[in-house]
Amino acid sequence: MAKAKTTTGGARRTRKTPVTREAALKAAVRIADAHGLEELSMRRLARELGCEAMSLYHHFAHKDAILDGMVEHVFEQFDAPRSGAPWRSALSKRMHSMRRALLRHPWAVRLLDSRTAPSMVTLAHHDAVLGVLRAEGFSVQLSAVAYALLDSFVYGFVVTELSLPFRTSAEARRLAKSMLAQAASDQFPHLREFTQAHVLRPGYSFAAEFDRALELVLDALELRRARESK
């Protein structure tokens, strides 16, 4: 089999064993994690695996098939609700696992809901989420709203979290002080109050807002569920 350069070390190597579908998907995820989805191609993946690009076509008819497999890989990291589990704790656990997976794989945010040929893993996950909602008295319509709201909340939070120009509490404080220093002391009173009372407090973390915001979303869904069940 032909030799190829790796994408990380650059050393030439010869692959002694056939490429498996699992190995190819893991390599595709590594490339996307490190360099972004735009850098993933059949040729780049073949270099990562140390094989010819044609070898990949034994497992994937085209790049979209690889993307479908990558989506399945991410969905496997979400905690699917168990049948009979209380909806609130089950979905809270799911949303936290979803956020962790998306932070590990930022490229997945815009890919998860784009596939036209979802795997059985993906479909089973959707079914489990809807099942726990329906079992707890959510109507079909409210289940649809709940599912869309929860996923949109996590996607939006992760996009914001990844886009912020700071990572630590100290970096957040420096940035906040720098921003306020550009304005007169009587400008932007509400923003100044928010910054001083919240962002500048010891131990501030934007990530910590996730738990509080998720509780608000779940509270709202519980109120609507209770109202509809009367």
C-alpha atoms as a PDB file:
ATOM      1  CA  MET A   1       0.000   0.000   0.000  1.00  0.00           C
ATOM      2  CA  ALA A   2       1.257   3.485  -0.780  1.00  0.00           C
ATOM      3  CA  LYS A   3       2.971   5.660   1.774  1.00  0.00           C
ATOM      4  CA  ALA A   4       1.494   8.958   2.952  1.00  0.00           C
ATOM      5  CA  LYS A   5       2.263  11.834   5.294  1.00  0.00           C
ATOM      6  CA  THR A   6       0.344  12.236   8.508  1.00  0.00           C
ATOM      7  CA  THR A   7      -1.463  15.517   9.139  1.00  0.00           C
ATOM      8  CA  THR A   8       0.146  15.971  12.546  1.00  0.00           C
ATOM      9  CA  GLY A   9       3.751  14.907  12.563  1.00  0.00           C
ATOM     10  CA  GLY A  10       4.517  14.928   8.848  1.00  0.00           C
ATOM     11  CA  ALA A  11       6.527  11.707   9.039  1.00  0.00           C
ATOM     12  CA  ARG A  12       6.009   9.203   6.256  1.00  0.00           C
ATOM     13  CA  ARG A  13       4.455   5.889   7.202  1.00  0.00           C
ATOM     14  CA  THR A  14       3.007   2.785   5.614  1.00  0.00           C
ATOM     15  CA  ARG A  15      -0.343   1.458   6.783  1.00  0.00           C
ATOM     16  CA  LYS A  16       0.008  -2.258   7.415  1.00  0.00           C
ATOM     17  CA  THR A  17      -3.646  -2.990   8.167  1.00  0.00           C
ATOM     18  CA  PRO A  18      -6.781  -2.186   6.169  1.00  0.00           C
ATOM     19  CA  VAL A  19      -8.638   1.000   7.017  1.00  0.00           C
ATOM     20  CA  THR A  20     -11.799   0.363   9.020  1.00  0.00           C
ATOM     21  CA  ARG A  21     -14.909   2.532   9.015  1.00  0.00           C
ATOM     22  CA  GLU A  22     -14.456   3.252  12.723  1.00  0.00           C
ATOM     23  CA  ALA A  23     -10.823   4.325  12.275  1.00  0.00           C
ATOM     24  CA  ALA A  24     -11.768   6.588   9.374  1.00  0.00           C
ATOM     25  CA  LEU A  25     -14.529   8.295  11.349  1.00  0.00           C
ATOM     26  CA  LYS A  26     -12.254   8.837  14.341  1.00  0.00           C
ATOM     27  CA  ALA A  27      -9.660  10.387  12.042  1.00  0.00           C
ATOM     28  CA  ALA A  28     -12.281  12.597  10.393  1.00  0.00           C
ATOM     29  CA  VAL A  29     -13.389  13.839  13.805  1.00  0.00           C
ATOM     30  CA  ARG A  30      -9.768  14.559  14.785  1.00  0.00           C
ATOM     31  CA  ILE A  31      -9.272  16.639  11.649  1.00  0.00           C
ATOM     32  CA  ALA A  32     -12.488  18.598  12.182  1.00  0.00           C
ATOM     33  CA  ASP A  33     -11.691  19.162  15.872  1.00  0.00           C
ATOM     34  CA  ALA A  34      -8.199  20.430  15.139  1.00  0.00           C
ATOM     35  CA  HIS A  35      -8.679  22.318  11.873  1.00  0.00           C
ATOM     36  CA  GLY A  36     -12.393  22.827  11.264  1.00  0.00           C
ATOM     37  CA  LEU A  37     -14.861  21.073   9.025  1.00  0.00           C
ATOM     38  CA  GLU A  38     -13.707  23.020   5.985  1.00  0.00           C
ATOM     39  CA  GLU A  39     -10.360  21.244   6.100  1.00  0.00           C
ATOM     40  CA  LEU A  40     -11.899  17.788   5.927  1.00  0.00           C
ATOM     41  CA  SER A  41     -11.673  16.083   2.540  1.00  0.00           C
ATOM     42  CA  MET A  42     -11.252  12.523   1.325  1.00  0.00           C
ATOM     43  CA  ARG A  43      -7.650  13.292   0.398  1.00  0.00           C
ATOM     44  CA  ARG A  44      -6.875  14.894   3.772  1.00  0.00           C
ATOM     45  CA  LEU A  45      -8.476  11.979   5.569  1.00  0.00           C
ATOM     46  CA  ALA A  46      -6.451   9.485   3.535  1.00  0.00           C
ATOM     47  CA  ARG A  47      -3.236  11.292   4.497  1.00  0.00           C
ATOM     48  CA  GLU A  48      -4.241  11.123   8.165  1.00  0.00           C
ATOM     49  CA  LEU A  49      -4.813   7.391   7.869  1.00  0.00           C
ATOM     50  CA  GLY A  50      -1.750   6.679   5.758  1.00  0.00           C
ATOM     51  CA  CYS A  51      -3.673   5.176   2.858  1.00  0.00           C
ATOM     52  CA  GLU A  52      -4.893   5.962  -0.636  1.00  0.00           C
ATOM     53  CA  ALA A  53      -8.074   8.004  -0.930  1.00  0.00           C
ATOM     54  CA  MET A  54      -9.666   5.207  -2.935  1.00  0.00           C
ATOM     55  CA  SER A  55      -9.469   2.951   0.117  1.00  0.00           C
ATOM     56  CA  LEU A  56     -12.038   5.139   1.841  1.00  0.00           C
ATOM     57  CA  TYR A  57     -14.644   4.469  -0.819  1.00  0.00           C
ATOM     58  CA  HIS A  58     -14.957   0.905   0.467  1.00  0.00           C
ATOM     59  CA  HIS A  59     -16.719   2.422   3.491  1.00  0.00           C
ATOM     60  CA  PHE A  60     -18.061   5.776   2.295  1.00  0.00           C
ATOM     61  CA  ALA A  61     -19.607   6.480  -1.091  1.00  0.00           C
ATOM     62  CA  HIS A  62     -18.879  10.196  -0.737  1.00  0.00           C
ATOM     63  CA  LYS A  63     -17.958  12.864   1.794  1.00  0.00           C
ATOM     64  CA  ASP A  64     -21.572  13.286   2.907  1.00  0.00           C
ATOM     65  CA  ALA A  65     -21.515   9.691   4.139  1.00  0.00           C
ATOM     66  CA  ILE A  66     -18.532  10.577   6.328  1.00  0.00           C
ATOM     67  CA  LEU A  67     -20.384  13.602   7.688  1.00  0.00           C
ATOM     68  CA  ASP A  68     -23.365  11.393   8.491  1.00  0.00           C
ATOM     69  CA  GLY A  69     -21.065   9.085  10.451  1.00  0.00           C
ATOM     70  CA  MET A  70     -19.525  12.026  12.310  1.00  0.00           C
ATOM     71  CA  VAL A  71     -22.972  13.224  13.333  1.00  0.00           C
ATOM     72  CA  GLU A  72     -23.729   9.746  14.649  1.00  0.00           C
ATOM     73  CA  HIS A  73     -20.467   9.879  16.630  1.00  0.00           C
ATOM     74  CA  VAL A  74     -21.571  13.122  18.302  1.00  0.00           C
ATOM     75  CA  PHE A  75     -25.098  11.897  19.020  1.00  0.00           C
ATOM     76  CA  GLU A  76     -23.599   8.876  20.785  1.00  0.00           C
ATOM     77  CA  GLN A  77     -22.115  11.325  23.309  1.00  0.00           C
ATOM     78  CA  PHE A  78     -25.537  12.716  24.253  1.00  0.00           C
ATOM     79  CA  ASP A  79     -27.227  11.081  27.233  1.00  0.00           C
ATOM     80  CA  ALA A  80     -30.490   9.793  25.791  1.00  0.00           C
ATOM     81  CA  PRO A  81     -33.364   9.812  28.292  1.00  0.00           C
ATOM     82  CA  ARG A  82     -34.293   6.393  29.651  1.00  0.00           C
ATOM     83  CA  SER A  83     -37.866   5.234  29.339  1.00  0.00           C
ATOM     84  CA  GLY A  84     -39.745   6.031  32.524  1.00  0.00           C
ATOM     85  CA  ALA A  85     -37.214   8.596  33.770  1.00  0.00           C
ATOM     86  CA  PRO A  86     -38.579  11.907  35.162  1.00  0.00           C
ATOM     87  CA  TRP A  87     -38.589  14.296  32.213  1.00  0.00           C
ATOM     88  CA  ARG A  88     -36.905  17.215  33.942  1.00  0.00           C
ATOM     89  CA  SER A  89     -33.873  15.399  35.370  1.00  0.00           C
ATOM     90  CA  ALA A  90     -33.534  13.275  32.215  1.00  0.00           C
ATOM     91  CA  LEU A  91     -33.520  16.266  29.884  1.00  0.00           C
ATOM     92  CA  SER A  92     -31.264  18.291  32.166  1.00  0.00           C
ATOM     93  CA  LYS A  93     -28.735  15.463  32.032  1.00  0.00           C
ATOM     94  CA  ARG A  94     -29.118  15.300  28.258  1.00  0.00           C
ATOM     95  CA  MET A  95     -28.599  19.057  27.805  1.00  0.00           C
ATOM     96  CA  HIS A  96     -25.436  19.048  29.927  1.00  0.00           C
ATOM     97  CA  SER A  97     -23.984  16.121  27.985  1.00  0.00           C
ATOM     98  CA  MET A  98     -24.958  17.833  24.742  1.00  0.00           C
ATOM     99  CA  ARG A  99     -23.114  21.007  25.723  1.00  0.00           C
ATOM    100  CA  ARG A 100     -19.988  19.053  26.675  1.00  0.00           C
ATOM    101  CA  ALA A 101     -20.008  17.203  23.351  1.00  0.00           C
ATOM    102  CA  LEU A 102     -20.475  20.387  21.324  1.00  0.00           C
ATOM    103  CA  LEU A 103     -17.636  22.091  23.160  1.00  0.00           C
ATOM    104  CA  ARG A 104     -15.436  19.111  22.256  1.00  0.00           C
ATOM    105  CA  HIS A 105     -16.630  19.238  18.643  1.00  0.00           C
ATOM    106  CA  PRO A 106     -17.544  22.864  17.759  1.00  0.00           C
ATOM    107  CA  TRP A 107     -18.057  21.981  14.080  1.00  0.00           C
ATOM    108  CA  ALA A 108     -21.062  19.852  15.037  1.00  0.00           C
ATOM    109  CA  VAL A 109     -23.289  22.794  15.970  1.00  0.00           C
ATOM    110  CA  ARG A 110     -24.146  23.559  12.356  1.00  0.00           C
ATOM    111  CA  LEU A 111     -23.993  19.951  11.192  1.00  0.00           C
ATOM    112  CA  LEU A 112     -26.235  17.986  13.546  1.00  0.00           C
ATOM    113  CA  ASP A 113     -29.576  18.991  12.081  1.00  0.00           C
ATOM    114  CA  SER A 114     -28.446  19.239   8.467  1.00  0.00           C
ATOM    115  CA  ARG A 115     -28.357  15.559   7.561  1.00  0.00           C
ATOM    116  CA  THR A 116     -30.940  14.066   5.204  1.00  0.00           C
ATOM    117  CA  ALA A 117     -30.011  10.472   6.025  1.00  0.00           C
ATOM    118  CA  PRO A 118     -29.824  10.278   9.852  1.00  0.00           C
ATOM    119  CA  SER A 119     -28.555   7.058  11.378  1.00  0.00           C
ATOM    120  CA  MET A 120     -30.510   4.691  13.591  1.00  0.00           C
ATOM    121  CA  VAL A 121     -28.544   6.093  16.540  1.00  0.00           C
ATOM    122  CA  THR A 122     -29.748   9.605  15.759  1.00  0.00           C
ATOM    123  CA  LEU A 123     -33.351   8.533  15.206  1.00  0.00           C
ATOM    124  CA  ALA A 124     -33.344   6.488  18.411  1.00  0.00           C
ATOM    125  CA  HIS A 125     -32.113   9.525  20.324  1.00  0.00           C
ATOM    126  CA  HIS A 126     -34.873  11.748  18.934  1.00  0.00           C
ATOM    127  CA  ASP A 127     -37.422   9.073  19.770  1.00  0.00           C
ATOM    128  CA  ALA A 128     -36.157   8.791  23.352  1.00  0.00           C
ATOM    129  CA  VAL A 129     -36.425  12.534  23.931  1.00  0.00           C
ATOM    130  CA  LEU A 130     -39.949  12.686  22.543  1.00  0.00           C
ATOM    131  CA  GLY A 131     -40.870   9.547  24.476  1.00  0.00           C
ATOM    132  CA  VAL A 132     -39.951  10.975  27.873  1.00  0.00           C
ATOM    133  CA  LEU A 133     -41.888  14.168  27.114  1.00  0.00           C
ATOM    134  CA  ARG A 134     -44.999  12.344  25.950  1.00  0.00           C
ATOM    135  CA  ALA A 135     -44.903   9.972  28.920  1.00  0.00           C
ATOM    136  CA  GLU A 136     -44.953  12.956  31.303  1.00  0.00           C
ATOM    137  CA  GLY A 137     -48.030  14.548  29.766  1.00  0.00           C
ATOM    138  CA  PHE A 138     -46.566  16.850  27.140  1.00  0.00           C
ATOM    139  CA  SER A 139     -48.854  17.104  24.123  1.00  0.00           C
ATOM    140  CA  VAL A 140     -47.407  16.416  20.685  1.00  0.00           C
ATOM    141  CA  GLN A 141     -47.400  20.154  19.982  1.00  0.00           C
ATOM    142  CA  LEU A 142     -45.765  21.081  23.295  1.00  0.00           C
ATOM    143  CA  SER A 143     -43.221  18.287  22.844  1.00  0.00           C
ATOM    144  CA  ALA A 144     -42.243  19.854  19.530  1.00  0.00           C
ATOM    145  CA  VAL A 145     -41.865  23.274  21.159  1.00  0.00           C
ATOM    146  CA  ALA A 146     -39.893  21.824  24.073  1.00  0.00           C
ATOM    147  CA  TYR A 147     -37.504  19.932  21.823  1.00  0.00           C
ATOM    148  CA  ALA A 148     -36.871  22.952  19.600  1.00  0.00           C
ATOM    149  CA  LEU A 149     -36.459  25.285  22.567  1.00  0.00           C
ATOM    150  CA  LEU A 150     -34.018  23.058  24.439  1.00  0.00           C
ATOM    151  CA  ASP A 151     -31.826  22.337  21.434  1.00  0.00           C
ATOM    152  CA  SER A 152     -31.838  25.988  20.335  1.00  0.00           C
ATOM    153  CA  PHE A 153     -30.850  27.031  23.841  1.00  0.00           C
ATOM    154  CA  VAL A 154     -27.862  24.676  23.938  1.00  0.00           C
ATOM    155  CA  TYR A 155     -26.737  25.477  20.394  1.00  0.00           C
ATOM    156  CA  GLY A 156     -26.961  29.210  21.049  1.00  0.00           C
ATOM    157  CA  PHE A 157     -25.200  29.015  24.391  1.00  0.00           C
ATOM    158  CA  VAL A 158     -22.332  26.970  22.963  1.00  0.00           C
ATOM    159  CA  VAL A 159     -21.911  29.316  19.978  1.00  0.00           C
ATOM    160  CA  THR A 160     -21.725  32.280  22.374  1.00  0.00           C
ATOM    161  CA  GLU A 161     -19.391  30.443  24.739  1.00  0.00           C
ATOM    162  CA  LEU A 162     -16.979  29.563  21.941  1.00  0.00           C
ATOM    163  CA  SER A 163     -17.075  33.100  20.520  1.00  0.00           C
ATOM    164  CA  LEU A 164     -16.331  35.013  23.714  1.00  0.00           C
ATOM    165  CA  PRO A 165     -12.986  36.863  23.695  1.00  0.00           C
ATOM    166  CA  PHE A 166     -12.104  35.541  27.144  1.00  0.00           C
ATOM    167  CA  ARG A 167     -11.779  32.161  28.823  1.00  0.00           C
ATOM    168  CA  THR A 168     -10.956  32.853  32.462  1.00  0.00           C
ATOM    169  CA  SER A 169     -12.504  35.041  35.148  1.00  0.00           C
ATOM    170  CA  ALA A 170      -9.393  37.234  35.169  1.00  0.00           C
ATOM    171  CA  GLU A 171      -9.587  37.747  31.408  1.00  0.00           C
ATOM    172  CA  ALA A 172     -13.275  38.647  31.692  1.00  0.00           C
ATOM    173  CA  ARG A 173     -12.539  41.253  34.369  1.00  0.00           C
ATOM    174  CA  ARG A 174      -9.748  42.843  32.346  1.00  0.00           C
ATOM    175  CA  LEU A 175     -11.926  43.035  29.257  1.00  0.00           C
ATOM    176  CA  ALA A 176     -14.907  44.437  31.160  1.00  0.00           C
ATOM    177  CA  LYS A 177     -12.808  47.141  32.810  1.00  0.00           C
ATOM    178  CA  SER A 178     -11.238  48.042  29.480  1.00  0.00           C
ATOM    179  CA  MET A 179     -14.637  48.369  27.807  1.00  0.00           C
ATOM    180  CA  LEU A 180     -16.071  50.581  30.542  1.00  0.00           C
ATOM    181  CA  ALA A 181     -12.961  52.758  30.602  1.00  0.00           C
ATOM    182  CA  GLN A 182     -13.768  53.867  27.059  1.00  0.00           C
ATOM    183  CA  ALA A 183     -17.006  55.560  28.186  1.00  0.00           C
ATOM    184  CA  ALA A 184     -17.767  58.424  30.544  1.00  0.00           C
ATOM    185  CA  SER A 185     -18.836  57.423  34.042  1.00  0.00           C
ATOM    186  CA  ASP A 186     -22.434  58.488  33.408  1.00  0.00           C
ATOM    187  CA  GLN A 187     -22.748  56.559  30.135  1.00  0.00           C
ATOM    188  CA  PHE A 188     -24.373  53.132  29.853  1.00  0.00           C
ATOM    189  CA  PRO A 189     -25.576  53.008  33.469  1.00  0.00           C
ATOM    190  CA  HIS A 190     -27.277  49.634  33.158  1.00  0.00           C
ATOM    191  CA  LEU A 191     -24.293  48.019  31.466  1.00  0.00           C
ATOM    192  CA  ARG A 192     -22.009  49.515  34.117  1.00  0.00           C
ATOM    193  CA  GLU A 193     -24.233  48.191  36.905  1.00  0.00           C
ATOM    194  CA  PHE A 194     -24.349  44.742  35.314  1.00  0.00           C
ATOM    195  CA  THR A 195     -20.580  44.649  34.870  1.00  0.00           C
ATOM    196  CA  GLN A 196     -19.743  45.813  38.369  1.00  0.00           C
ATOM    197  CA  ALA A 197     -22.332  43.685  40.173  1.00  0.00           C
ATOM    198  CA  HIS A 198     -21.968  40.560  38.090  1.00  0.00           C
ATOM    199  CA  VAL A 199     -18.996  40.269  35.734  1.00  0.00           C
ATOM    200  CA  LEU A 200     -16.486  41.795  38.146  1.00  0.00           C
ATOM    201  CA  ARG A 201     -17.528  39.701  41.117  1.00  0.00           C
ATOM    202  CA  PRO A 202     -14.941  37.116  42.289  1.00  0.00           C
ATOM    203  CA  GLY A 203     -15.117  33.831  40.431  1.00  0.00           C
ATOM    204  CA  TYR A 204     -17.339  35.059  37.592  1.00  0.00           C
ATOM    205  CA  SER A 205     -17.755  32.440  34.867  1.00  0.00           C
ATOM    206  CA  PHE A 206     -19.959  32.700  31.809  1.00  0.00           C
ATOM    207  CA  ALA A 207     -20.158  28.900  31.736  1.00  0.00           C
ATOM    208  CA  ALA A 208     -21.910  28.979  35.108  1.00  0.00           C
ATOM    209  CA  GLU A 209     -24.819  30.808  33.478  1.00  0.00           C
ATOM    210  CA  PHE A 210     -25.706  27.602  31.662  1.00  0.00           C
ATOM    211  CA  ASP A 211     -27.175  25.898  34.727  1.00  0.00           C
ATOM    212  CA  ARG A 212     -29.225  28.919  35.772  1.00  0.00           C
ATOM    213  CA  ALA A 213     -30.520  29.563  32.260  1.00  0.00           C
ATOM    214  CA  LEU A 214     -31.420  25.909  31.740  1.00  0.00           C
ATOM    215  CA  GLU A 215     -33.417  25.924  34.984  1.00  0.00           C
ATOM    216  CA  LEU A 216     -35.411  28.900  33.691  1.00  0.00           C
ATOM    217  CA  VAL A 217     -36.166  27.081  30.436  1.00  0.00           C
ATOM    218  CA  LEU A 218     -37.247  23.934  32.277  1.00  0.00           C
ATOM    219  CA  ASP A 219     -39.367  25.990  34.684  1.00  0.00           C
ATOM    220  CA  ALA A 220     -41.191  27.591  31.755  1.00  0.00           C
ATOM    221  CA  LEU A 221     -41.847  24.216  30.145  1.00  0.00           C
ATOM    222  CA  GLU A 222     -43.153  22.815  33.436  1.00  0.00           C
ATOM    223  CA  LEU A 223     -45.566  25.728  33.813  1.00  0.00           C
ATOM    224  CA  ARG A 224     -46.870  25.251  30.284  1.00  0.00           C
ATOM    225  CA  ARG A 225     -47.198  21.492  30.764  1.00  0.00           C
ATOM    226  CA  ALA A 226     -49.164  22.010  33.982  1.00  0.00           C
ATOM    227  CA  ARG A 227     -51.405  24.589  32.327  1.00  0.00           C
ATOM    228  CA  GLU A 228     -52.189  22.318  29.386  1.00  0.00           C
ATOM    229  CA  SER A 229     -52.920  19.330  31.595  1.00  0.00           C
ATOM    230  CA  LYS A 230     -55.716  21.114  33.510  1.00  0.00           C
END
